[in-house]
Amino acid sequence: MRTAAELLAARCRPLEGRPAMDDGQVAAQLAVLAHWQLTDGAISRTFRFAGYFETIAFVNALAWMVHGEDHHPDLRVGHDRCEVRFSTHSVGGISENDFICAAKADAIFERRCGSAAA
């Protein structure tokens, strides 16, 4: 298990041929990222915003980050929210790459919105 700081410092890497994390590993790593949960084979979090502009600004910043990591989430975007879901297709489940990007998504949210929003 990595700390949040270790996840932020890490980079995604190719994982073809490696196994997905098991349930115990996923649960242990989720304990580090307070707002994320396991949902239907992915880790997910819904970020909430004051309005549409803030939501789209977050989506754009997130898109920039995940493009650099070459690890792309599923997004569901609404007027004042964005649900982000990470899983790793190449391993058929959840991987460390999902947690790296989740930690970086949290950091983007904290920089843009501060800790008052959830």
N, C-alpha and C. Protein backbone atom coordinates (compact mmCIF):
# COMPACT_ATOMS: atom_id res chain seq x y z
N MET A 1 0.84 -1.19 0.00
CA MET A 1 0.00 0.00 0.00
C MET A 1 0.88 1.24 0.00
N ARG A 2 0.50 2.21 -0.81
CA ARG A 2 1.22 3.48 -0.89
C ARG A 2 0.46 4.57 -0.15
N THR A 3 1.20 5.53 0.36
CA THR A 3 0.58 6.70 0.98
C THR A 3 0.07 7.62 -0.12
N ALA A 4 -0.75 8.59 0.25
CA ALA A 4 -1.25 9.56 -0.72
C ALA A 4 -0.07 10.30 -1.36
N ALA A 5 0.93 10.67 -0.59
CA ALA A 5 2.10 11.38 -1.13
C ALA A 5 2.85 10.50 -2.12
N GLU A 6 2.97 9.22 -1.83
CA GLU A 6 3.64 8.31 -2.75
C GLU A 6 2.85 8.15 -4.05
N LEU A 7 1.53 8.09 -3.95
CA LEU A 7 0.70 8.01 -5.14
C LEU A 7 0.85 9.25 -6.01
N LEU A 8 0.88 10.42 -5.37
CA LEU A 8 1.04 11.67 -6.11
C LEU A 8 2.38 11.75 -6.83
N ALA A 9 3.40 11.19 -6.24
CA ALA A 9 4.74 11.23 -6.84
C ALA A 9 4.94 10.16 -7.91
N ALA A 10 4.08 9.16 -7.95
CA ALA A 10 4.23 8.03 -8.87
C ALA A 10 3.72 8.38 -10.27
N ARG A 11 4.12 7.57 -11.22
CA ARG A 11 3.64 7.67 -12.60
C ARG A 11 3.00 6.35 -13.00
N CYS A 12 1.98 6.41 -13.82
CA CYS A 12 1.36 5.20 -14.34
C CYS A 12 2.35 4.49 -15.26
N ARG A 13 2.22 3.16 -15.30
CA ARG A 13 3.11 2.36 -16.15
C ARG A 13 2.30 1.26 -16.82
N PRO A 14 2.79 0.75 -17.95
CA PRO A 14 2.08 -0.35 -18.61
C PRO A 14 1.99 -1.56 -17.69
N LEU A 15 0.84 -2.23 -17.68
CA LEU A 15 0.61 -3.34 -16.76
C LEU A 15 0.15 -4.62 -17.46
N GLU A 16 0.24 -4.67 -18.77
CA GLU A 16 -0.19 -5.85 -19.49
C GLU A 16 0.49 -7.09 -18.91
N GLY A 17 -0.29 -8.15 -18.74
CA GLY A 17 0.24 -9.39 -18.22
C GLY A 17 0.34 -9.47 -16.70
N ARG A 18 0.03 -8.39 -16.02
CA ARG A 18 0.05 -8.39 -14.55
C ARG A 18 -1.37 -8.58 -14.03
N PRO A 19 -1.50 -9.14 -12.84
CA PRO A 19 -2.85 -9.34 -12.30
C PRO A 19 -3.44 -8.05 -11.72
N ALA A 20 -4.76 -8.02 -11.68
CA ALA A 20 -5.45 -6.93 -10.99
C ALA A 20 -5.19 -7.05 -9.49
N MET A 21 -5.39 -5.95 -8.78
CA MET A 21 -5.28 -5.98 -7.32
C MET A 21 -6.39 -6.86 -6.76
N ASP A 22 -6.09 -7.57 -5.67
CA ASP A 22 -7.14 -8.37 -5.04
C ASP A 22 -7.97 -7.48 -4.11
N ASP A 23 -9.07 -8.02 -3.60
CA ASP A 23 -9.99 -7.24 -2.78
C ASP A 23 -9.31 -6.61 -1.56
N GLY A 24 -8.41 -7.35 -0.93
CA GLY A 24 -7.70 -6.84 0.24
C GLY A 24 -6.80 -5.67 -0.11
N GLN A 25 -6.10 -5.78 -1.23
CA GLN A 25 -5.23 -4.69 -1.67
C GLN A 25 -6.05 -3.45 -2.03
N VAL A 26 -7.17 -3.66 -2.70
CA VAL A 26 -8.03 -2.53 -3.06
C VAL A 26 -8.56 -1.85 -1.80
N ALA A 27 -9.04 -2.63 -0.85
CA ALA A 27 -9.58 -2.06 0.40
C ALA A 27 -8.51 -1.29 1.15
N ALA A 28 -7.31 -1.83 1.23
CA ALA A 28 -6.22 -1.15 1.94
C ALA A 28 -5.87 0.16 1.26
N GLN A 29 -5.82 0.16 -0.07
CA GLN A 29 -5.45 1.39 -0.78
C GLN A 29 -6.58 2.40 -0.73
N LEU A 30 -7.84 1.95 -0.75
CA LEU A 30 -8.96 2.88 -0.62
C LEU A 30 -8.93 3.62 0.71
N ALA A 31 -8.40 3.00 1.74
CA ALA A 31 -8.32 3.65 3.06
C ALA A 31 -7.46 4.91 3.02
N VAL A 32 -6.59 5.02 2.03
CA VAL A 32 -5.71 6.19 1.88
C VAL A 32 -6.44 7.34 1.18
N LEU A 33 -7.44 7.02 0.38
CA LEU A 33 -8.17 8.03 -0.40
C LEU A 33 -9.60 8.10 0.12
N ALA A 34 -9.83 9.01 1.04
CA ALA A 34 -11.06 9.04 1.83
C ALA A 34 -12.35 9.11 1.03
N HIS A 35 -12.38 9.79 -0.09
CA HIS A 35 -13.64 10.03 -0.80
C HIS A 35 -13.93 9.03 -1.91
N TRP A 36 -13.03 8.09 -2.12
CA TRP A 36 -13.19 7.11 -3.19
C TRP A 36 -13.82 5.84 -2.65
N GLN A 37 -14.56 5.15 -3.52
CA GLN A 37 -15.21 3.90 -3.11
C GLN A 37 -15.14 2.90 -4.25
N LEU A 38 -15.33 1.67 -3.90
CA LEU A 38 -15.39 0.59 -4.88
C LEU A 38 -16.82 0.46 -5.35
N THR A 39 -17.03 0.58 -6.68
CA THR A 39 -18.36 0.51 -7.25
C THR A 39 -18.30 -0.26 -8.57
N ASP A 40 -18.93 -1.42 -8.61
CA ASP A 40 -19.05 -2.19 -9.85
C ASP A 40 -17.70 -2.39 -10.55
N GLY A 41 -16.70 -2.83 -9.81
CA GLY A 41 -15.42 -3.16 -10.40
C GLY A 41 -14.52 -2.00 -10.75
N ALA A 42 -14.83 -0.83 -10.21
CA ALA A 42 -14.02 0.37 -10.44
C ALA A 42 -13.96 1.16 -9.14
N ILE A 43 -12.97 2.05 -9.03
CA ILE A 43 -12.99 3.00 -7.93
C ILE A 43 -13.61 4.28 -8.46
N SER A 44 -14.45 4.90 -7.65
CA SER A 44 -15.19 6.07 -8.13
C SER A 44 -15.31 7.13 -7.05
N ARG A 45 -15.49 8.34 -7.53
CA ARG A 45 -15.76 9.49 -6.66
C ARG A 45 -16.56 10.49 -7.46
N THR A 46 -17.53 11.10 -6.80
CA THR A 46 -18.27 12.20 -7.41
C THR A 46 -17.77 13.51 -6.81
N PHE A 47 -17.26 14.37 -7.67
CA PHE A 47 -16.79 15.70 -7.28
C PHE A 47 -17.93 16.68 -7.52
N ARG A 48 -18.16 17.59 -6.57
CA ARG A 48 -19.26 18.55 -6.68
C ARG A 48 -18.69 19.97 -6.78
N PHE A 49 -19.41 20.81 -7.54
CA PHE A 49 -18.92 22.15 -7.86
C PHE A 49 -20.05 23.17 -7.71
N ALA A 50 -19.69 24.45 -7.72
CA ALA A 50 -20.67 25.52 -7.58
C ALA A 50 -21.51 25.69 -8.84
N GLY A 51 -20.99 25.29 -9.98
CA GLY A 51 -21.74 25.46 -11.22
C GLY A 51 -21.02 24.83 -12.39
N TYR A 52 -21.58 25.04 -13.56
CA TYR A 52 -21.10 24.39 -14.78
C TYR A 52 -19.66 24.76 -15.12
N PHE A 53 -19.33 26.04 -15.04
CA PHE A 53 -17.98 26.48 -15.41
C PHE A 53 -16.92 25.78 -14.56
N GLU A 54 -17.15 25.71 -13.25
CA GLU A 54 -16.20 25.05 -12.36
C GLU A 54 -16.10 23.56 -12.68
N THR A 55 -17.23 22.94 -13.01
CA THR A 55 -17.24 21.52 -13.36
C THR A 55 -16.38 21.28 -14.60
N ILE A 56 -16.59 22.07 -15.63
CA ILE A 56 -15.85 21.88 -16.88
C ILE A 56 -14.37 22.23 -16.70
N ALA A 57 -14.06 23.21 -15.88
CA ALA A 57 -12.66 23.52 -15.61
C ALA A 57 -11.97 22.32 -14.97
N PHE A 58 -12.65 21.66 -14.04
CA PHE A 58 -12.10 20.46 -13.41
C PHE A 58 -11.92 19.35 -14.45
N VAL A 59 -12.93 19.13 -15.28
CA VAL A 59 -12.85 18.09 -16.31
C VAL A 59 -11.67 18.34 -17.24
N ASN A 60 -11.46 19.58 -17.63
CA ASN A 60 -10.33 19.91 -18.50
C ASN A 60 -8.99 19.66 -17.82
N ALA A 61 -8.88 20.04 -16.56
CA ALA A 61 -7.63 19.80 -15.82
C ALA A 61 -7.41 18.30 -15.64
N LEU A 62 -8.46 17.57 -15.33
CA LEU A 62 -8.38 16.12 -15.20
C LEU A 62 -7.95 15.48 -16.53
N ALA A 63 -8.54 15.92 -17.63
CA ALA A 63 -8.20 15.39 -18.95
C ALA A 63 -6.72 15.60 -19.26
N TRP A 64 -6.19 16.75 -18.91
CA TRP A 64 -4.77 17.05 -19.13
C TRP A 64 -3.90 16.07 -18.34
N MET A 65 -4.24 15.88 -17.09
CA MET A 65 -3.45 14.99 -16.24
C MET A 65 -3.50 13.55 -16.73
N VAL A 66 -4.70 13.02 -16.99
CA VAL A 66 -4.80 11.61 -17.37
C VAL A 66 -4.18 11.35 -18.74
N HIS A 67 -4.22 12.34 -19.60
CA HIS A 67 -3.55 12.18 -20.90
C HIS A 67 -2.05 11.98 -20.70
N GLY A 68 -1.48 12.76 -19.80
CA GLY A 68 -0.05 12.62 -19.48
C GLY A 68 0.28 11.29 -18.84
N GLU A 69 -0.66 10.74 -18.09
CA GLU A 69 -0.46 9.43 -17.44
C GLU A 69 -0.83 8.27 -18.38
N ASP A 70 -1.50 8.58 -19.48
CA ASP A 70 -2.01 7.57 -20.42
C ASP A 70 -2.88 6.55 -19.70
N HIS A 71 -3.76 7.08 -18.84
CA HIS A 71 -4.68 6.23 -18.08
C HIS A 71 -5.99 7.00 -17.91
N HIS A 72 -6.99 6.62 -18.68
CA HIS A 72 -8.18 7.45 -18.83
C HIS A 72 -9.39 6.87 -18.09
N PRO A 73 -10.09 7.72 -17.34
CA PRO A 73 -11.27 7.26 -16.59
C PRO A 73 -12.54 7.35 -17.43
N ASP A 74 -13.58 6.76 -16.89
CA ASP A 74 -14.93 7.01 -17.39
C ASP A 74 -15.45 8.20 -16.60
N LEU A 75 -16.12 9.12 -17.28
CA LEU A 75 -16.65 10.32 -16.63
C LEU A 75 -18.14 10.42 -16.88
N ARG A 76 -18.85 10.90 -15.87
CA ARG A 76 -20.25 11.28 -16.02
C ARG A 76 -20.32 12.72 -15.52
N VAL A 77 -20.60 13.63 -16.45
CA VAL A 77 -20.54 15.07 -16.16
C VAL A 77 -21.94 15.66 -16.14
N GLY A 78 -22.23 16.42 -15.09
CA GLY A 78 -23.48 17.15 -14.98
C GLY A 78 -23.19 18.61 -14.71
N HIS A 79 -24.23 19.38 -14.51
CA HIS A 79 -24.10 20.83 -14.31
C HIS A 79 -23.14 21.17 -13.16
N ASP A 80 -23.26 20.48 -12.05
CA ASP A 80 -22.48 20.84 -10.86
C ASP A 80 -21.74 19.65 -10.26
N ARG A 81 -21.46 18.64 -11.10
CA ARG A 81 -20.79 17.44 -10.58
C ARG A 81 -20.09 16.69 -11.69
N CYS A 82 -19.14 15.88 -11.29
CA CYS A 82 -18.45 14.99 -12.22
C CYS A 82 -18.12 13.70 -11.48
N GLU A 83 -18.69 12.60 -11.95
CA GLU A 83 -18.35 11.30 -11.39
C GLU A 83 -17.16 10.76 -12.19
N VAL A 84 -16.12 10.34 -11.48
CA VAL A 84 -14.91 9.81 -12.09
C VAL A 84 -14.78 8.35 -11.67
N ARG A 85 -14.58 7.46 -12.66
CA ARG A 85 -14.45 6.02 -12.40
C ARG A 85 -13.18 5.51 -13.06
N PHE A 86 -12.32 4.91 -12.26
CA PHE A 86 -11.09 4.32 -12.78
C PHE A 86 -11.12 2.81 -12.64
N SER A 87 -10.71 2.13 -13.69
CA SER A 87 -10.39 0.71 -13.67
C SER A 87 -9.35 0.51 -14.77
N THR A 88 -8.70 -0.65 -14.77
CA THR A 88 -7.64 -0.89 -15.74
C THR A 88 -8.03 -2.05 -16.63
N HIS A 89 -8.38 -1.74 -17.85
CA HIS A 89 -8.85 -2.77 -18.78
C HIS A 89 -7.78 -3.82 -19.05
N SER A 90 -6.52 -3.40 -19.11
CA SER A 90 -5.45 -4.35 -19.48
C SER A 90 -5.22 -5.42 -18.42
N VAL A 91 -5.68 -5.19 -17.17
CA VAL A 91 -5.54 -6.21 -16.13
C VAL A 91 -6.89 -6.80 -15.74
N GLY A 92 -7.95 -6.28 -16.31
CA GLY A 92 -9.29 -6.79 -16.02
C GLY A 92 -9.77 -6.49 -14.62
N GLY A 93 -9.39 -5.35 -14.09
CA GLY A 93 -9.81 -4.97 -12.74
C GLY A 93 -9.19 -3.66 -12.32
N ILE A 94 -8.85 -3.57 -11.06
CA ILE A 94 -8.28 -2.36 -10.49
C ILE A 94 -6.78 -2.54 -10.32
N SER A 95 -6.04 -1.49 -10.64
CA SER A 95 -4.58 -1.53 -10.53
C SER A 95 -4.07 -0.31 -9.78
N GLU A 96 -2.79 -0.33 -9.51
CA GLU A 96 -2.15 0.81 -8.87
C GLU A 96 -2.30 2.07 -9.71
N ASN A 97 -2.34 1.95 -11.04
CA ASN A 97 -2.53 3.12 -11.89
C ASN A 97 -3.83 3.86 -11.57
N ASP A 98 -4.86 3.12 -11.21
CA ASP A 98 -6.14 3.74 -10.86
C ASP A 98 -5.98 4.62 -9.62
N PHE A 99 -5.24 4.11 -8.65
CA PHE A 99 -5.04 4.88 -7.41
C PHE A 99 -4.12 6.07 -7.62
N ILE A 100 -3.13 5.93 -8.48
CA ILE A 100 -2.25 7.06 -8.80
C ILE A 100 -3.08 8.19 -9.39
N CYS A 101 -3.92 7.86 -10.36
CA CYS A 101 -4.73 8.90 -10.99
C CYS A 101 -5.81 9.44 -10.06
N ALA A 102 -6.35 8.60 -9.20
CA ALA A 102 -7.35 9.07 -8.22
C ALA A 102 -6.72 10.09 -7.28
N ALA A 103 -5.53 9.81 -6.79
CA ALA A 103 -4.84 10.76 -5.90
C ALA A 103 -4.57 12.07 -6.62
N LYS A 104 -4.19 11.99 -7.88
CA LYS A 104 -3.91 13.20 -8.65
C LYS A 104 -5.20 13.96 -8.95
N ALA A 105 -6.32 13.25 -9.15
CA ALA A 105 -7.61 13.91 -9.33
C ALA A 105 -8.00 14.66 -8.06
N ASP A 106 -7.77 14.04 -6.90
CA ASP A 106 -8.04 14.72 -5.62
C ASP A 106 -7.21 15.99 -5.50
N ALA A 107 -5.94 15.93 -5.90
CA ALA A 107 -5.06 17.10 -5.81
C ALA A 107 -5.55 18.22 -6.72
N ILE A 108 -6.00 17.86 -7.92
CA ILE A 108 -6.55 18.88 -8.84
C ILE A 108 -7.77 19.53 -8.20
N PHE A 109 -8.65 18.72 -7.63
CA PHE A 109 -9.85 19.24 -7.00
C PHE A 109 -9.51 20.17 -5.84
N GLU A 110 -8.57 19.76 -5.01
CA GLU A 110 -8.18 20.58 -3.86
C GLU A 110 -7.57 21.91 -4.31
N ARG A 111 -6.75 21.91 -5.35
CA ARG A 111 -6.15 23.15 -5.85
C ARG A 111 -7.20 24.07 -6.43
N ARG A 112 -8.18 23.51 -7.14
CA ARG A 112 -9.18 24.34 -7.82
C ARG A 112 -10.27 24.81 -6.86
N CYS A 113 -10.64 23.98 -5.92
CA CYS A 113 -11.85 24.24 -5.14
C CYS A 113 -11.62 24.38 -3.64
N GLY A 114 -10.45 24.03 -3.15
CA GLY A 114 -10.23 24.06 -1.72
C GLY A 114 -10.91 22.90 -1.05
N SER A 115 -10.77 22.78 0.22
CA SER A 115 -11.30 21.60 0.93
C SER A 115 -12.76 21.77 1.34
N ALA A 116 -13.39 22.90 1.07
CA ALA A 116 -14.77 23.12 1.50
C ALA A 116 -15.76 22.28 0.70
N ALA A 117 -15.47 22.02 -0.57
CA ALA A 117 -16.39 21.24 -1.39
C ALA A 117 -16.07 19.76 -1.26
N ALA A 118 -17.06 18.91 -1.49
CA ALA A 118 -16.85 17.47 -1.46
C ALA A 118 -17.47 16.88 -2.66
